[in-house]
All heavy atoms as atom14 arrays in JSON, in Angstrom:
{
  "sequence": "WSKIDQDGGIEDVALLILEWLAEQGVNAMIRVDAE",
  "atom14_mask": [
    [1, 1, 1, 1, 1, 1, 1, 1, 1, 1, 1, 1, 1, 1],
    [1, 1, 1, 1, 1, 1, 0, 0, 0, 0, 0, 0, 0, 0],
    [1, 1, 1, 1, 1, 1, 1, 1, 1, 0, 0, 0, 0, 0],
    [1, 1, 1, 1, 1, 1, 1, 1, 0, 0, 0, 0, 0, 0],
    [1, 1, 1, 1, 1, 1, 1, 1, 0, 0, 0, 0, 0, 0],
    [1, 1, 1, 1, 1, 1, 1, 1, 1, 0, 0, 0, 0, 0],
    [1, 1, 1, 1, 1, 1, 1, 1, 0, 0, 0, 0, 0, 0],
    [1, 1, 1, 1, 0, 0, 0, 0, 0, 0, 0, 0, 0, 0],
    [1, 1, 1, 1, 0, 0, 0, 0, 0, 0, 0, 0, 0, 0],
    [1, 1, 1, 1, 1, 1, 1, 1, 0, 0, 0, 0, 0, 0],
    [1, 1, 1, 1, 1, 1, 1, 1, 1, 0, 0, 0, 0, 0],
    [1, 1, 1, 1, 1, 1, 1, 1, 0, 0, 0, 0, 0, 0],
    [1, 1, 1, 1, 1, 1, 1, 0, 0, 0, 0, 0, 0, 0],
    [1, 1, 1, 1, 1, 0, 0, 0, 0, 0, 0, 0, 0, 0],
    [1, 1, 1, 1, 1, 1, 1, 1, 0, 0, 0, 0, 0, 0],
    [1, 1, 1, 1, 1, 1, 1, 1, 0, 0, 0, 0, 0, 0],
    [1, 1, 1, 1, 1, 1, 1, 1, 0, 0, 0, 0, 0, 0],
    [1, 1, 1, 1, 1, 1, 1, 1, 0, 0, 0, 0, 0, 0],
    [1, 1, 1, 1, 1, 1, 1, 1, 1, 0, 0, 0, 0, 0],
    [1, 1, 1, 1, 1, 1, 1, 1, 1, 1, 1, 1, 1, 1],
    [1, 1, 1, 1, 1, 1, 1, 1, 0, 0, 0, 0, 0, 0],
    [1, 1, 1, 1, 1, 0, 0, 0, 0, 0, 0, 0, 0, 0],
    [1, 1, 1, 1, 1, 1, 1, 1, 1, 0, 0, 0, 0, 0],
    [1, 1, 1, 1, 1, 1, 1, 1, 1, 0, 0, 0, 0, 0],
    [1, 1, 1, 1, 0, 0, 0, 0, 0, 0, 0, 0, 0, 0],
    [1, 1, 1, 1, 1, 1, 1, 0, 0, 0, 0, 0, 0, 0],
    [1, 1, 1, 1, 1, 1, 1, 1, 0, 0, 0, 0, 0, 0],
    [1, 1, 1, 1, 1, 0, 0, 0, 0, 0, 0, 0, 0, 0],
    [1, 1, 1, 1, 1, 1, 1, 1, 0, 0, 0, 0, 0, 0],
    [1, 1, 1, 1, 1, 1, 1, 1, 0, 0, 0, 0, 0, 0],
    [1, 1, 1, 1, 1, 1, 1, 1, 1, 1, 1, 0, 0, 0],
    [1, 1, 1, 1, 1, 1, 1, 0, 0, 0, 0, 0, 0, 0],
    [1, 1, 1, 1, 1, 1, 1, 1, 0, 0, 0, 0, 0, 0],
    [1, 1, 1, 1, 1, 0, 0, 0, 0, 0, 0, 0, 0, 0],
    [1, 1, 1, 1, 1, 1, 1, 1, 1, 0, 0, 0, 0, 0]
  ],
  "atom14_positions": [
    [[-89.46, -128.06, -54.36], [-90.55, -128.83, -53.79], [-90.33, -130.35, -53.88], [-90.74, -131.07, -53.0], [-91.87, -128.46, -54.44], [-92.06, -126.98, -54.61], [-92.51, -126.35, -55.73], [-91.82, -125.94, -53.66], [-92.56, -124.99, -55.53], [-92.13, -124.71, -54.27], [-91.33, -125.91, -52.36], [-92.01, -123.49, -53.62], [-91.2, -124.69, -51.72], [-91.54, -123.51, -52.35]],
    [[-89.7, -130.83, -54.91], [-89.55, -132.27, -55.06], [-88.53, -132.87, -54.11], [-88.43, -134.08, -54.0], [-89.16, -132.61, -56.5], [-87.93, -131.99, -56.8], [0.0, 0.0, 0.0], [0.0, 0.0, 0.0], [0.0, 0.0, 0.0], [0.0, 0.0, 0.0], [0.0, 0.0, 0.0], [0.0, 0.0, 0.0], [0.0, 0.0, 0.0], [0.0, 0.0, 0.0]],
    [[-87.76, -132.07, -53.39], [-86.72, -132.58, -52.5], [-87.22, -132.84, -51.08], [-86.45, -133.22, -50.22], [-85.56, -131.58, -52.46], [-84.9, -131.41, -53.8], [-83.83, -130.36, -53.74], [-83.3, -130.11, -55.14], [-82.38, -128.98, -55.17], [0.0, 0.0, 0.0], [0.0, 0.0, 0.0], [0.0, 0.0, 0.0], [0.0, 0.0, 0.0], [0.0, 0.0, 0.0]],
    [[-88.49, -132.67, -50.83], [-89.03, -132.85, -49.49], [-89.05, -134.32, -49.12], [-89.45, -135.17, -49.91], [-90.47, -132.28, -49.4], [-90.43, -130.78, -49.66], [-91.1, -132.58, -48.05], [-91.8, -130.19, -49.85], [0.0, 0.0, 0.0], [0.0, 0.0, 0.0], [0.0, 0.0, 0.0], [0.0, 0.0, 0.0], [0.0, 0.0, 0.0], [0.0, 0.0, 0.0]],
    [[-88.64, -134.63, -47.9], [-88.72, -135.98, -47.37], [-90.16, -136.21, -46.92], [-90.59, -135.68, -45.91], [-87.76, -136.14, -46.2], [-87.85, -137.5, -45.54], [-88.59, -138.36, -46.04], [-87.17, -137.69, -44.51], [0.0, 0.0, 0.0], [0.0, 0.0, 0.0], [0.0, 0.0, 0.0], [0.0, 0.0, 0.0], [0.0, 0.0, 0.0], [0.0, 0.0, 0.0]],
    [[-90.91, -136.98, -47.65], [-92.33, -137.18, -47.36], [-92.55, -137.89, -46.03], [-93.64, -137.84, -45.48], [-92.99, -137.97, -48.5], [-92.98, -137.25, -49.82], [-93.77, -135.95, -49.81], [-94.77, -135.81, -49.11], [-93.33, -134.99, -50.59], [0.0, 0.0, 0.0], [0.0, 0.0, 0.0], [0.0, 0.0, 0.0], [0.0, 0.0, 0.0], [0.0, 0.0, 0.0]],
    [[-91.53, -138.56, -45.49], [-91.67, -139.24, -44.21], [-91.28, -138.35, -43.04], [-91.45, -138.73, -41.89], [-90.8, -140.51, -44.19], [-91.26, -141.52, -45.23], [-92.48, -141.62, -45.44], [-90.4, -142.17, -45.83], [0.0, 0.0, 0.0], [0.0, 0.0, 0.0], [0.0, 0.0, 0.0], [0.0, 0.0, 0.0], [0.0, 0.0, 0.0], [0.0, 0.0, 0.0]],
    [[-90.75, -137.17, -43.33], [-90.33, -136.26, -42.27], [-91.49, -135.47, -41.73], [-92.6, -135.47, -42.26], [0.0, 0.0, 0.0], [0.0, 0.0, 0.0], [0.0, 0.0, 0.0], [0.0, 0.0, 0.0], [0.0, 0.0, 0.0], [0.0, 0.0, 0.0], [0.0, 0.0, 0.0], [0.0, 0.0, 0.0], [0.0, 0.0, 0.0], [0.0, 0.0, 0.0]],
    [[-91.24, -134.77, -40.64], [-92.26, -133.96, -40.02], [-92.3, -132.56, -40.6], [-91.52, -132.19, -41.48], [0.0, 0.0, 0.0], [0.0, 0.0, 0.0], [0.0, 0.0, 0.0], [0.0, 0.0, 0.0], [0.0, 0.0, 0.0], [0.0, 0.0, 0.0], [0.0, 0.0, 0.0], [0.0, 0.0, 0.0], [0.0, 0.0, 0.0], [0.0, 0.0, 0.0]],
    [[-93.23, -131.77, -40.07], [-93.42, -130.39, -40.53], [-92.15, -129.57, -40.37], [-91.88, -128.68, -41.16], [-94.63, -129.75, -39.82], [-95.01, -128.44, -40.49], [-94.34, -129.51, -38.35], [-95.72, -128.61, -41.77], [0.0, 0.0, 0.0], [0.0, 0.0, 0.0], [0.0, 0.0, 0.0], [0.0, 0.0, 0.0], [0.0, 0.0, 0.0], [0.0, 0.0, 0.0]],
    [[-91.37, -129.88, -39.35], [-90.14, -129.11, -39.13], [-89.17, -129.25, -40.3], [-88.35, -128.37, -40.54], [-89.49, -129.48, -37.81], [-88.87, -130.85, -37.75], [-89.85, -131.98, -37.42], [-91.07, -131.77, -37.44], [-89.36, -133.08, -37.15], [0.0, 0.0, 0.0], [0.0, 0.0, 0.0], [0.0, 0.0, 0.0], [0.0, 0.0, 0.0], [0.0, 0.0, 0.0]],
    [[-89.28, -130.35, -41.04], [-88.4, -130.57, -42.18], [-88.72, -129.64, -43.35], [-87.89, -129.44, -44.22], [-88.47, -132.02, -42.66], [-87.91, -132.99, -41.64], [-87.05, -132.58, -40.84], [-88.33, -134.16, -41.65], [0.0, 0.0, 0.0], [0.0, 0.0, 0.0], [0.0, 0.0, 0.0], [0.0, 0.0, 0.0], [0.0, 0.0, 0.0], [0.0, 0.0, 0.0]],
    [[-89.92, -129.09, -43.39], [-90.32, -128.23, -44.5], [-90.54, -126.78, -44.06], [-90.97, -125.96, -44.86], [-91.57, -128.76, -45.23], [-91.29, -130.1, -45.88], [-92.75, -128.83, -44.32], [0.0, 0.0, 0.0], [0.0, 0.0, 0.0], [0.0, 0.0, 0.0], [0.0, 0.0, 0.0], [0.0, 0.0, 0.0], [0.0, 0.0, 0.0], [0.0, 0.0, 0.0]],
    [[-90.24, -126.47, -42.81], [-90.5, -125.13, -42.29], [-89.82, -124.05, -43.14], [-90.45, -123.03, -43.46], [-90.06, -125.01, -40.84], [0.0, 0.0, 0.0], [0.0, 0.0, 0.0], [0.0, 0.0, 0.0], [0.0, 0.0, 0.0], [0.0, 0.0, 0.0], [0.0, 0.0, 0.0], [0.0, 0.0, 0.0], [0.0, 0.0, 0.0], [0.0, 0.0, 0.0]],
    [[-88.59, -124.24, -43.54], [-87.9, -123.24, -44.35], [-88.5, -123.13, -45.74], [-88.59, -122.03, -46.3], [-86.41, -123.53, -44.44], [-85.66, -123.41, -43.11], [-84.2, -123.79, -43.29], [-85.79, -122.02, -42.53], [0.0, 0.0, 0.0], [0.0, 0.0, 0.0], [0.0, 0.0, 0.0], [0.0, 0.0, 0.0], [0.0, 0.0, 0.0], [0.0, 0.0, 0.0]],
    [[-88.95, -124.24, -46.3], [-89.62, -124.19, -47.6], [-90.93, -123.44, -47.5], [-91.31, -122.71, -48.42], [-89.85, -125.61, -48.14], [-88.59, -126.38, -48.52], [-88.97, -127.8, -48.91], [-87.84, -125.69, -49.63], [0.0, 0.0, 0.0], [0.0, 0.0, 0.0], [0.0, 0.0, 0.0], [0.0, 0.0, 0.0], [0.0, 0.0, 0.0], [0.0, 0.0, 0.0]],
    [[-91.64, -123.61, -46.39], [-92.89, -122.87, -46.18], [-92.6, -121.38, -46.11], [-93.29, -120.58, -46.75], [-93.61, -123.37, -44.9], [-94.1, -124.8, -45.11], [-94.75, -122.42, -44.52], [-94.57, -125.48, -43.85], [0.0, 0.0, 0.0], [0.0, 0.0, 0.0], [0.0, 0.0, 0.0], [0.0, 0.0, 0.0], [0.0, 0.0, 0.0], [0.0, 0.0, 0.0]],
    [[-91.57, -121.0, -45.35], [-91.2, -119.58, -45.25], [-90.84, -119.02, -46.62], [-91.25, -117.91, -46.98], [-90.04, -119.39, -44.28], [-90.35, -119.63, -42.8], [-89.06, -119.56, -41.99], [-91.37, -118.65, -42.28], [0.0, 0.0, 0.0], [0.0, 0.0, 0.0], [0.0, 0.0, 0.0], [0.0, 0.0, 0.0], [0.0, 0.0, 0.0], [0.0, 0.0, 0.0]],
    [[-90.09, -119.77, -47.38], [-89.69, -119.33, -48.71], [-90.91, -119.19, -49.62], [-91.04, -118.2, -50.35], [-88.69, -120.33, -49.31], [-88.04, -119.85, -50.57], [-86.91, -120.78, -51.0], [-87.03, -122.01, -50.85], [-85.9, -120.25, -51.48], [0.0, 0.0, 0.0], [0.0, 0.0, 0.0], [0.0, 0.0, 0.0], [0.0, 0.0, 0.0], [0.0, 0.0, 0.0]],
    [[-91.83, -120.14, -49.58], [-93.04, -120.07, -50.39], [-93.87, -118.86, -50.0], [-94.38, -118.14, -50.87], [-93.85, -121.36, -50.23], [-95.07, -121.38, -51.1], [-95.14, -121.78, -52.41], [-96.39, -120.96, -50.74], [-96.43, -121.65, -52.87], [-97.21, -121.14, -51.87], [-96.96, -120.46, -49.57], [-98.57, -120.84, -51.87], [-98.31, -120.15, -49.57], [-99.1, -120.34, -50.7]],
    [[-94.01, -118.61, -48.7], [-94.76, -117.44, -48.25], [-94.13, -116.15, -48.77], [-94.84, -115.24, -49.21], [-94.86, -117.42, -46.72], [-95.78, -118.47, -46.12], [-95.59, -118.54, -44.61], [-97.24, -118.18, -46.46], [0.0, 0.0, 0.0], [0.0, 0.0, 0.0], [0.0, 0.0, 0.0], [0.0, 0.0, 0.0], [0.0, 0.0, 0.0], [0.0, 0.0, 0.0]],
    [[-92.82, -116.05, -48.74], [-92.14, -114.86, -49.26], [-92.45, -114.66, -50.74], [-92.65, -113.53, -51.19], [-90.63, -114.96, -49.04], [0.0, 0.0, 0.0], [0.0, 0.0, 0.0], [0.0, 0.0, 0.0], [0.0, 0.0, 0.0], [0.0, 0.0, 0.0], [0.0, 0.0, 0.0], [0.0, 0.0, 0.0], [0.0, 0.0, 0.0], [0.0, 0.0, 0.0]],
    [[-92.51, -115.76, -51.49], [-92.84, -115.66, -52.91], [-94.27, -115.16, -53.13], [-94.58, -114.64, -54.19], [-92.64, -117.02, -53.58], [-91.18, -117.43, -53.68], [-90.98, -118.86, -54.15], [-91.98, -119.6, -54.32], [-89.82, -119.25, -54.33], [0.0, 0.0, 0.0], [0.0, 0.0, 0.0], [0.0, 0.0, 0.0], [0.0, 0.0, 0.0], [0.0, 0.0, 0.0]],
    [[-95.12, -115.32, -52.12], [-96.5, -114.83, -52.2], [-96.62, -113.4, -51.67], [-97.71, -112.85, -51.59], [-97.44, -115.74, -51.39], [-97.32, -117.21, -51.66], [-97.31, -117.57, -53.13], [-98.2, -117.21, -53.87], [-96.28, -118.28, -53.56], [0.0, 0.0, 0.0], [0.0, 0.0, 0.0], [0.0, 0.0, 0.0], [0.0, 0.0, 0.0], [0.0, 0.0, 0.0]],
    [[-95.5, -112.81, -51.25], [-95.51, -111.46, -50.71], [-95.79, -111.38, -49.23], [-96.08, -110.31, -48.7], [0.0, 0.0, 0.0], [0.0, 0.0, 0.0], [0.0, 0.0, 0.0], [0.0, 0.0, 0.0], [0.0, 0.0, 0.0], [0.0, 0.0, 0.0], [0.0, 0.0, 0.0], [0.0, 0.0, 0.0], [0.0, 0.0, 0.0], [0.0, 0.0, 0.0]],
    [[-95.72, -112.52, -48.54], [-95.98, -112.57, -47.11], [-94.66, -112.5, -46.34], [-93.72, -113.24, -46.64], [-96.74, -113.87, -46.73], [-96.92, -114.0, -45.23], [-98.08, -113.93, -47.45], [0.0, 0.0, 0.0], [0.0, 0.0, 0.0], [0.0, 0.0, 0.0], [0.0, 0.0, 0.0], [0.0, 0.0, 0.0], [0.0, 0.0, 0.0], [0.0, 0.0, 0.0]],
    [[-94.6, -111.6, -45.37], [-93.47, -111.54, -44.45], [-93.72, -112.57, -43.36], [-94.81, -112.6, -42.78], [-93.37, -110.16, -43.8], [-93.23, -109.07, -44.83], [-92.39, -109.13, -45.7], [-94.1, -108.07, -44.75], [0.0, 0.0, 0.0], [0.0, 0.0, 0.0], [0.0, 0.0, 0.0], [0.0, 0.0, 0.0], [0.0, 0.0, 0.0], [0.0, 0.0, 0.0]],
    [[-92.75, -113.44, -43.09], [-92.96, -114.49, -42.11], [-91.66, -114.83, -41.4], [-90.57, -114.65, -41.94], [-93.51, -115.75, -42.79], [0.0, 0.0, 0.0], [0.0, 0.0, 0.0], [0.0, 0.0, 0.0], [0.0, 0.0, 0.0], [0.0, 0.0, 0.0], [0.0, 0.0, 0.0], [0.0, 0.0, 0.0], [0.0, 0.0, 0.0], [0.0, 0.0, 0.0]],
    [[-91.82, -115.32, -40.17], [-90.66, -115.75, -39.39], [-91.08, -116.82, -38.4], [-92.24, -116.94, -38.04], [-90.04, -114.6, -38.64], [-90.94, -113.98, -37.59], [-90.0, -112.93, -36.5], [-90.63, -113.47, -34.93], [0.0, 0.0, 0.0], [0.0, 0.0, 0.0], [0.0, 0.0, 0.0], [0.0, 0.0, 0.0], [0.0, 0.0, 0.0], [0.0, 0.0, 0.0]],
    [[-90.09, -117.61, -38.0], [-90.27, -118.55, -36.91], [-89.1, -118.32, -35.96], [-87.98, -118.07, -36.4], [-90.35, -120.01, -37.39], [-90.7, -120.92, -36.23], [-89.1, -120.44, -38.11], [-91.12, -122.31, -36.63], [0.0, 0.0, 0.0], [0.0, 0.0, 0.0], [0.0, 0.0, 0.0], [0.0, 0.0, 0.0], [0.0, 0.0, 0.0], [0.0, 0.0, 0.0]],
    [[-89.41, -118.34, -34.66], [-88.35, -118.11, -33.68], [-88.58, -118.99, -32.47], [-89.68, -119.49, -32.25], [-88.3, -116.65, -33.26], [-89.47, -116.2, -32.41], [-89.38, -114.73, -31.99], [-88.26, -114.4, -31.16], [-88.27, -114.39, -29.83], [-89.38, -114.7, -29.18], [-87.2, -114.07, -29.15], [0.0, 0.0, 0.0], [0.0, 0.0, 0.0], [0.0, 0.0, 0.0]],
    [[-87.52, -119.17, -31.7], [-87.61, -119.91, -30.45], [-87.09, -119.01, -29.34], [-86.1, -118.29, -29.52], [-86.85, -121.25, -30.52], [-85.36, -121.05, -30.72], [-87.12, -122.1, -29.3], [0.0, 0.0, 0.0], [0.0, 0.0, 0.0], [0.0, 0.0, 0.0], [0.0, 0.0, 0.0], [0.0, 0.0, 0.0], [0.0, 0.0, 0.0], [0.0, 0.0, 0.0]],
    [[-87.78, -119.02, -28.2], [-87.41, -118.22, -27.04], [-86.89, -119.18, -25.98], [-87.67, -119.94, -25.37], [-88.64, -117.46, -26.54], [-88.34, -116.53, -25.38], [-87.58, -116.92, -24.47], [-88.89, -115.42, -25.38], [0.0, 0.0, 0.0], [0.0, 0.0, 0.0], [0.0, 0.0, 0.0], [0.0, 0.0, 0.0], [0.0, 0.0, 0.0], [0.0, 0.0, 0.0]],
    [[-85.59, -119.17, -25.74], [-84.95, -120.11, -24.82], [-85.51, -120.01, -23.41], [-85.65, -121.03, -22.72], [-83.45, -119.89, -24.81], [0.0, 0.0, 0.0], [0.0, 0.0, 0.0], [0.0, 0.0, 0.0], [0.0, 0.0, 0.0], [0.0, 0.0, 0.0], [0.0, 0.0, 0.0], [0.0, 0.0, 0.0], [0.0, 0.0, 0.0], [0.0, 0.0, 0.0]],
    [[-85.83, -118.82, -22.95], [-86.38, -118.66, -21.61], [-87.75, -119.34, -21.48], [-88.04, -119.99, -20.49], [-86.5, -117.19, -21.24], [-85.16, -116.52, -21.01], [-85.29, -115.04, -20.67], [-86.39, -114.59, -20.28], [-84.29, -114.33, -20.81], [0.0, 0.0, 0.0], [0.0, 0.0, 0.0], [0.0, 0.0, 0.0], [0.0, 0.0, 0.0], [0.0, 0.0, 0.0]]
  ]
}
């Protein structure tokens, strides 16, 4: 948690959010659809 760039946007912490959710027992994903 202390390595987050406080000046960055939400996209900079998206993987940390996913990891935190997994630690809470939540299955989560983010994806992009090129089409």
